[in-house]
C-alpha atoms as a PDB file:
ATOM      1  CA  MET A   1      33.128 -30.785   2.495  1.00  0.00           C
ATOM      2  CA  ASN A   2      30.866 -33.655   1.472  1.00  0.00           C
ATOM      3  CA  ILE A   3      29.287 -33.793   4.896  1.00  0.00           C
ATOM      4  CA  PHE A   4      28.306 -30.132   4.521  1.00  0.00           C
ATOM      5  CA  ARG A   5      26.848 -30.675   1.058  1.00  0.00           C
ATOM      6  CA  TRP A   6      24.737 -33.652   2.336  1.00  0.00           C
ATOM      7  CA  SER A   7      23.600 -31.930   5.463  1.00  0.00           C
ATOM      8  CA  GLY A   8      22.522 -28.822   3.350  1.00  0.00           C
ATOM      9  CA  LEU A   9      20.573 -31.153   0.951  1.00  0.00           C
ATOM     10  CA  LEU A  10      18.792 -32.914   3.875  1.00  0.00           C
ATOM     11  CA  ALA A  11      17.873 -29.468   5.342  1.00  0.00           C
ATOM     12  CA  VAL A  12      15.895 -28.657   2.130  1.00  0.00           C
ATOM     13  CA  PRO A  13      13.071 -31.233   2.481  1.00  0.00           C
ATOM     14  CA  PHE A  14      12.907 -30.490   6.268  1.00  0.00           C
ATOM     15  CA  LEU A  15      12.377 -26.791   5.442  1.00  0.00           C
ATOM     16  CA  LEU A  16       9.813 -27.479   2.718  1.00  0.00           C
ATOM     17  CA  VAL A  17       7.817 -29.683   5.150  1.00  0.00           C
ATOM     18  CA  LEU A  18       7.959 -27.055   7.881  1.00  0.00           C
ATOM     19  CA  ALA A  19       7.036 -24.242   5.530  1.00  0.00           C
ATOM     20  CA  GLY A  20       4.125 -26.446   4.216  1.00  0.00           C
ATOM     21  CA  TYR A  21       2.889 -27.049   7.681  1.00  0.00           C
ATOM     22  CA  PHE A  22       2.747 -23.395   8.516  1.00  0.00           C
ATOM     23  CA  LEU A  23       1.084 -22.456   5.344  1.00  0.00           C
ATOM     24  CA  VAL A  24      -1.602 -25.059   5.678  1.00  0.00           C
ATOM     25  CA  GLU A  25      -2.029 -24.327   9.338  1.00  0.00           C
ATOM     26  CA  THR A  26      -2.442 -20.516   8.799  1.00  0.00           C
ATOM     27  CA  GLN A  27      -4.864 -21.071   5.917  1.00  0.00           C
ATOM     28  CA  LEU A  28      -7.078 -23.579   7.798  1.00  0.00           C
ATOM     29  CA  ALA A  29      -7.018 -22.145  11.246  1.00  0.00           C
ATOM     30  CA  PRO A  30      -9.663 -19.514  11.969  1.00  0.00           C
ATOM     31  CA  THR A  31      -8.361 -15.915  12.246  1.00  0.00           C
ATOM     32  CA  PRO A  32      -9.456 -14.616  15.656  1.00  0.00           C
ATOM     33  CA  ALA A  33     -11.661 -11.500  15.230  1.00  0.00           C
ATOM     34  CA  LEU A  34     -10.968  -8.831  17.712  1.00  0.00           C
ATOM     35  CA  ALA A  35     -13.119  -5.836  18.498  1.00  0.00           C
ATOM     36  CA  ALA A  36     -11.782  -2.778  16.807  1.00  0.00           C
ATOM     37  CA  PRO A  37      -9.534  -0.912  19.221  1.00  0.00           C
ATOM     38  CA  ASN A  38     -11.117   2.553  19.683  1.00  0.00           C
ATOM     39  CA  ALA A  39     -11.674   5.288  22.204  1.00  0.00           C
ATOM     40  CA  VAL A  40     -15.068   4.106  23.349  1.00  0.00           C
ATOM     41  CA  THR A  41     -15.269   3.594  27.152  1.00  0.00           C
ATOM     42  CA  PHE A  42     -17.977   2.173  29.186  1.00  0.00           C
ATOM     43  CA  PRO A  43     -19.892   5.115  30.743  1.00  0.00           C
ATOM     44  CA  PRO A  44     -21.042   5.533  34.352  1.00  0.00           C
ATOM     45  CA  LEU A  45     -24.633   4.373  33.763  1.00  0.00           C
ATOM     46  CA  GLU A  46     -25.888   6.079  36.991  1.00  0.00           C
ATOM     47  CA  GLN A  47     -24.934   9.468  35.618  1.00  0.00           C
ATOM     48  CA  LEU A  48     -26.980   9.106  32.505  1.00  0.00           C
ATOM     49  CA  GLU A  49     -30.639   9.857  31.727  1.00  0.00           C
ATOM     50  CA  HIS A  50     -33.161   7.496  30.238  1.00  0.00           C
ATOM     51  CA  TYR A  51     -34.677   9.372  27.217  1.00  0.00           C
ATOM     52  CA  THR A  52     -36.761   6.766  25.328  1.00  0.00           C
ATOM     53  CA  THR A  53     -37.580   3.054  25.074  1.00  0.00           C
ATOM     54  CA  VAL A  54     -37.895   1.178  21.823  1.00  0.00           C
ATOM     55  CA  ARG A  55     -40.023  -2.016  21.853  1.00  0.00           C
ATOM     56  CA  ARG A  56     -40.150  -4.567  19.078  1.00  0.00           C
ATOM     57  CA  GLY A  57     -41.478  -8.044  19.842  1.00  0.00           C
ATOM     58  CA  ILE A  58     -39.415  -9.601  22.716  1.00  0.00           C
ATOM     59  CA  THR A  59     -36.814  -6.760  22.318  1.00  0.00           C
ATOM     60  CA  ARG A  60     -36.884  -3.772  24.715  1.00  0.00           C
ATOM     61  CA  GLU A  61     -34.116  -1.078  24.231  1.00  0.00           C
ATOM     62  CA  HIS A  62     -33.631   1.620  26.837  1.00  0.00           C
ATOM     63  CA  MET A  63     -31.704   4.624  25.504  1.00  0.00           C
ATOM     64  CA  LEU A  64     -29.558   6.651  27.917  1.00  0.00           C
ATOM     65  CA  THR A  65     -27.274   9.678  27.610  1.00  0.00           C
ATOM     66  CA  SER A  66     -26.175  12.729  29.661  1.00  0.00           C
ATOM     67  CA  ARG A  67     -28.380  15.687  30.527  1.00  0.00           C
ATOM     68  CA  GLU A  68     -25.848  17.848  28.590  1.00  0.00           C
ATOM     69  CA  ALA A  69     -26.345  15.900  25.460  1.00  0.00           C
ATOM     70  CA  LEU A  70     -30.141  15.994  25.680  1.00  0.00           C
ATOM     71  CA  ALA A  71     -30.057  19.780  26.277  1.00  0.00           C
ATOM     72  CA  ALA A  72     -27.757  20.205  23.240  1.00  0.00           C
ATOM     73  CA  LEU A  73     -30.002  18.049  21.062  1.00  0.00           C
ATOM     74  CA  LYS A  74     -33.169  19.968  22.092  1.00  0.00           C
ATOM     75  CA  ALA A  75     -31.325  23.264  21.298  1.00  0.00           C
ATOM     76  CA  GLY A  76     -30.290  21.985  17.879  1.00  0.00           C
ATOM     77  CA  LEU A  77     -26.606  21.978  18.842  1.00  0.00           C
ATOM     78  CA  PRO A  78     -24.091  19.131  18.392  1.00  0.00           C
ATOM     79  CA  VAL A  79     -23.687  16.975  21.411  1.00  0.00           C
ATOM     80  CA  PRO A  80     -20.489  17.617  23.397  1.00  0.00           C
ATOM     81  CA  THR A  81     -17.282  15.575  22.704  1.00  0.00           C
ATOM     82  CA  GLY A  82     -17.143  12.525  25.054  1.00  0.00           C
ATOM     83  CA  THR A  83     -20.907  12.100  25.028  1.00  0.00           C
ATOM     84  CA  HIS A  84     -22.083   8.470  25.476  1.00  0.00           C
ATOM     85  CA  MET A  85     -25.251   7.250  23.845  1.00  0.00           C
ATOM     86  CA  VAL A  86     -26.096   3.899  25.338  1.00  0.00           C
ATOM     87  CA  LEU A  87     -28.595   1.304  24.099  1.00  0.00           C
ATOM     88  CA  VAL A  88     -29.427  -1.108  26.984  1.00  0.00           C
ATOM     89  CA  ASP A  89     -30.779  -4.220  25.259  1.00  0.00           C
ATOM     90  CA  TYR A  90     -33.145  -6.585  26.841  1.00  0.00           C
ATOM     91  CA  GLN A  91     -34.395  -9.798  25.064  1.00  0.00           C
ATOM     92  CA  SER A  92     -37.443 -11.382  26.840  1.00  0.00           C
ATOM     93  CA  ASP A  93     -36.662  -9.040  29.862  1.00  0.00           C
ATOM     94  CA  VAL A  94     -33.137 -10.372  30.185  1.00  0.00           C
ATOM     95  CA  LEU A  95     -30.210  -7.906  29.847  1.00  0.00           C
ATOM     96  CA  THR A  96     -28.456  -9.024  26.697  1.00  0.00           C
ATOM     97  CA  ARG A  97     -25.901  -6.296  25.965  1.00  0.00           C
ATOM     98  CA  TYR A  98     -24.939  -2.638  25.878  1.00  0.00           C
ATOM     99  CA  LEU A  99     -24.344  -0.905  22.632  1.00  0.00           C
ATOM    100  CA  VAL A 100     -22.380   2.348  23.202  1.00  0.00           C
ATOM    101  CA  GLY A 101     -21.750   5.178  20.813  1.00  0.00           C
ATOM    102  CA  GLN A 102     -19.355   7.843  21.887  1.00  0.00           C
ATOM    103  CA  LYS A 103     -18.644  11.207  20.363  1.00  0.00           C
ATOM    104  CA  THR A 104     -14.866  11.189  20.050  1.00  0.00           C
ATOM    105  CA  GLY A 105     -14.128  14.595  18.371  1.00  0.00           C
ATOM    106  CA  ASP A 106     -15.605  17.985  17.599  1.00  0.00           C
ATOM    107  CA  GLY A 107     -16.756  16.986  13.934  1.00  0.00           C
ATOM    108  CA  ALA A 108     -20.413  15.948  13.591  1.00  0.00           C
ATOM    109  CA  ASP A 109     -19.386  12.559  12.216  1.00  0.00           C
ATOM    110  CA  GLU A 110     -16.774  11.700  14.834  1.00  0.00           C
ATOM    111  CA  TRP A 111     -18.598   8.814  16.622  1.00  0.00           C
ATOM    112  CA  GLU A 112     -17.194   5.469  17.466  1.00  0.00           C
ATOM    113  CA  TYR A 113     -19.077   2.471  18.651  1.00  0.00           C
ATOM    114  CA  GLN A 114     -18.561  -0.571  20.897  1.00  0.00           C
ATOM    115  CA  TRP A 115     -20.550  -3.664  22.018  1.00  0.00           C
ATOM    116  CA  PHE A 116     -20.389  -4.612  25.622  1.00  0.00           C
ATOM    117  CA  TRP A 117     -21.611  -7.763  27.383  1.00  0.00           C
ATOM    118  CA  PRO A 118     -23.882  -7.374  30.470  1.00  0.00           C
ATOM    119  CA  ASP A 119     -20.751  -7.669  32.692  1.00  0.00           C
ATOM    120  CA  GLN A 120     -19.489  -4.507  30.846  1.00  0.00           C
ATOM    121  CA  THR A 121     -16.703  -6.228  29.037  1.00  0.00           C
ATOM    122  CA  VAL A 122     -16.100  -5.702  25.284  1.00  0.00           C
ATOM    123  CA  LYS A 123     -17.442  -8.318  22.978  1.00  0.00           C
ATOM    124  CA  ALA A 124     -14.179  -9.205  21.275  1.00  0.00           C
ATOM    125  CA  ASP A 125     -15.567 -10.617  18.000  1.00  0.00           C
ATOM    126  CA  GLU A 126     -18.006  -7.944  17.052  1.00  0.00           C
ATOM    127  CA  ASN A 127     -17.498  -5.828  13.877  1.00  0.00           C
ATOM    128  CA  VAL A 128     -18.220  -2.350  15.284  1.00  0.00           C
ATOM    129  CA  ALA A 129     -17.583  -0.902  11.842  1.00  0.00           C
ATOM    130  CA  ARG A 130     -21.000  -1.966  10.917  1.00  0.00           C
ATOM    131  CA  CYS A 131     -22.449   0.352  13.497  1.00  0.00           C
ATOM    132  CA  TYR A 132     -21.042   3.439  11.937  1.00  0.00           C
ATOM    133  CA  SER A 133     -21.930   2.344   8.405  1.00  0.00           C
ATOM    134  CA  CYS A 134     -25.614   2.217   9.457  1.00  0.00           C
ATOM    135  CA  HIS A 135     -25.630   5.380  11.575  1.00  0.00           C
ATOM    136  CA  ARG A 136     -24.242   7.353   8.777  1.00  0.00           C
ATOM    137  CA  SER A 137     -27.665   7.407   7.252  1.00  0.00           C
ATOM    138  CA  LYS A 138     -28.829   9.424  10.167  1.00  0.00           C
ATOM    139  CA  GLN A 139     -26.268  12.201   9.810  1.00  0.00           C
ATOM    140  CA  SER A 140     -29.042  14.859   9.696  1.00  0.00           C
ATOM    141  CA  GLU A 141     -30.113  13.672  13.125  1.00  0.00           C
ATOM    142  CA  GLN A 142     -26.647  13.611  14.737  1.00  0.00           C
ATOM    143  CA  PHE A 143     -26.234   9.911  13.741  1.00  0.00           C
ATOM    144  CA  LEU A 144     -29.053   8.797  16.101  1.00  0.00           C
ATOM    145  CA  PHE A 145     -31.896   6.565  15.201  1.00  0.00           C
ATOM    146  CA  THR A 146     -33.626   7.836  18.423  1.00  0.00           C
ATOM    147  CA  PHE A 147     -33.267  11.484  17.651  1.00  0.00           C
ATOM    148  CA  ASP A 148     -36.963  12.255  17.953  1.00  0.00           C
ATOM    149  CA  GLY A 149     -37.094  10.506  21.412  1.00  0.00           C
ATOM    150  CA  ALA A 150     -34.129  12.613  22.514  1.00  0.00           C
ATOM    151  CA  ILE A 151     -35.701  15.904  21.696  1.00  0.00           C
ATOM    152  CA  SER A 152     -39.242  14.967  22.761  1.00  0.00           C
ATOM    153  CA  ASP A 153     -40.651  16.304  26.068  1.00  0.00           C
ATOM    154  CA  ASP A 154     -42.896  13.277  26.436  1.00  0.00           C
ATOM    155  CA  ASP A 155     -42.267  10.990  29.426  1.00  0.00           C
ATOM    156  CA  PRO A 156     -40.099   8.120  27.972  1.00  0.00           C
ATOM    157  CA  LEU A 157     -41.712   5.369  30.053  1.00  0.00           C
END
């Protein structure tokens, strides 16, 4: 019986050291940030229409969406569920990323966003909630900063 009492007492310091290791390890180790899992898919770019280009310094952003979405926007209707709005981002004429907004439901505010690398893989550490928080300011323009370009009949190039 004394053997069990001693072995139990020896286990206490061991458990404290083990618990301390995991506490310190989890507090000091960086938490991996993962892209928010959502319904956004990478669209077939060849099926989308270029509707405007935004230029700022070394930045050139080509905006793409479907013909159906452009027709709906010009008619003053909501874009169809499933619509992709794609920002193709070039920095100094080098493709840097794709920012994709996708209409995920019938409600006007049902948009989700995702950041994709040039190879079309998701940027795993991007906080895509920031996209929606900014785009909310454009609710009257279907959450688009490029609404005027989408409804314009001007040649986008």
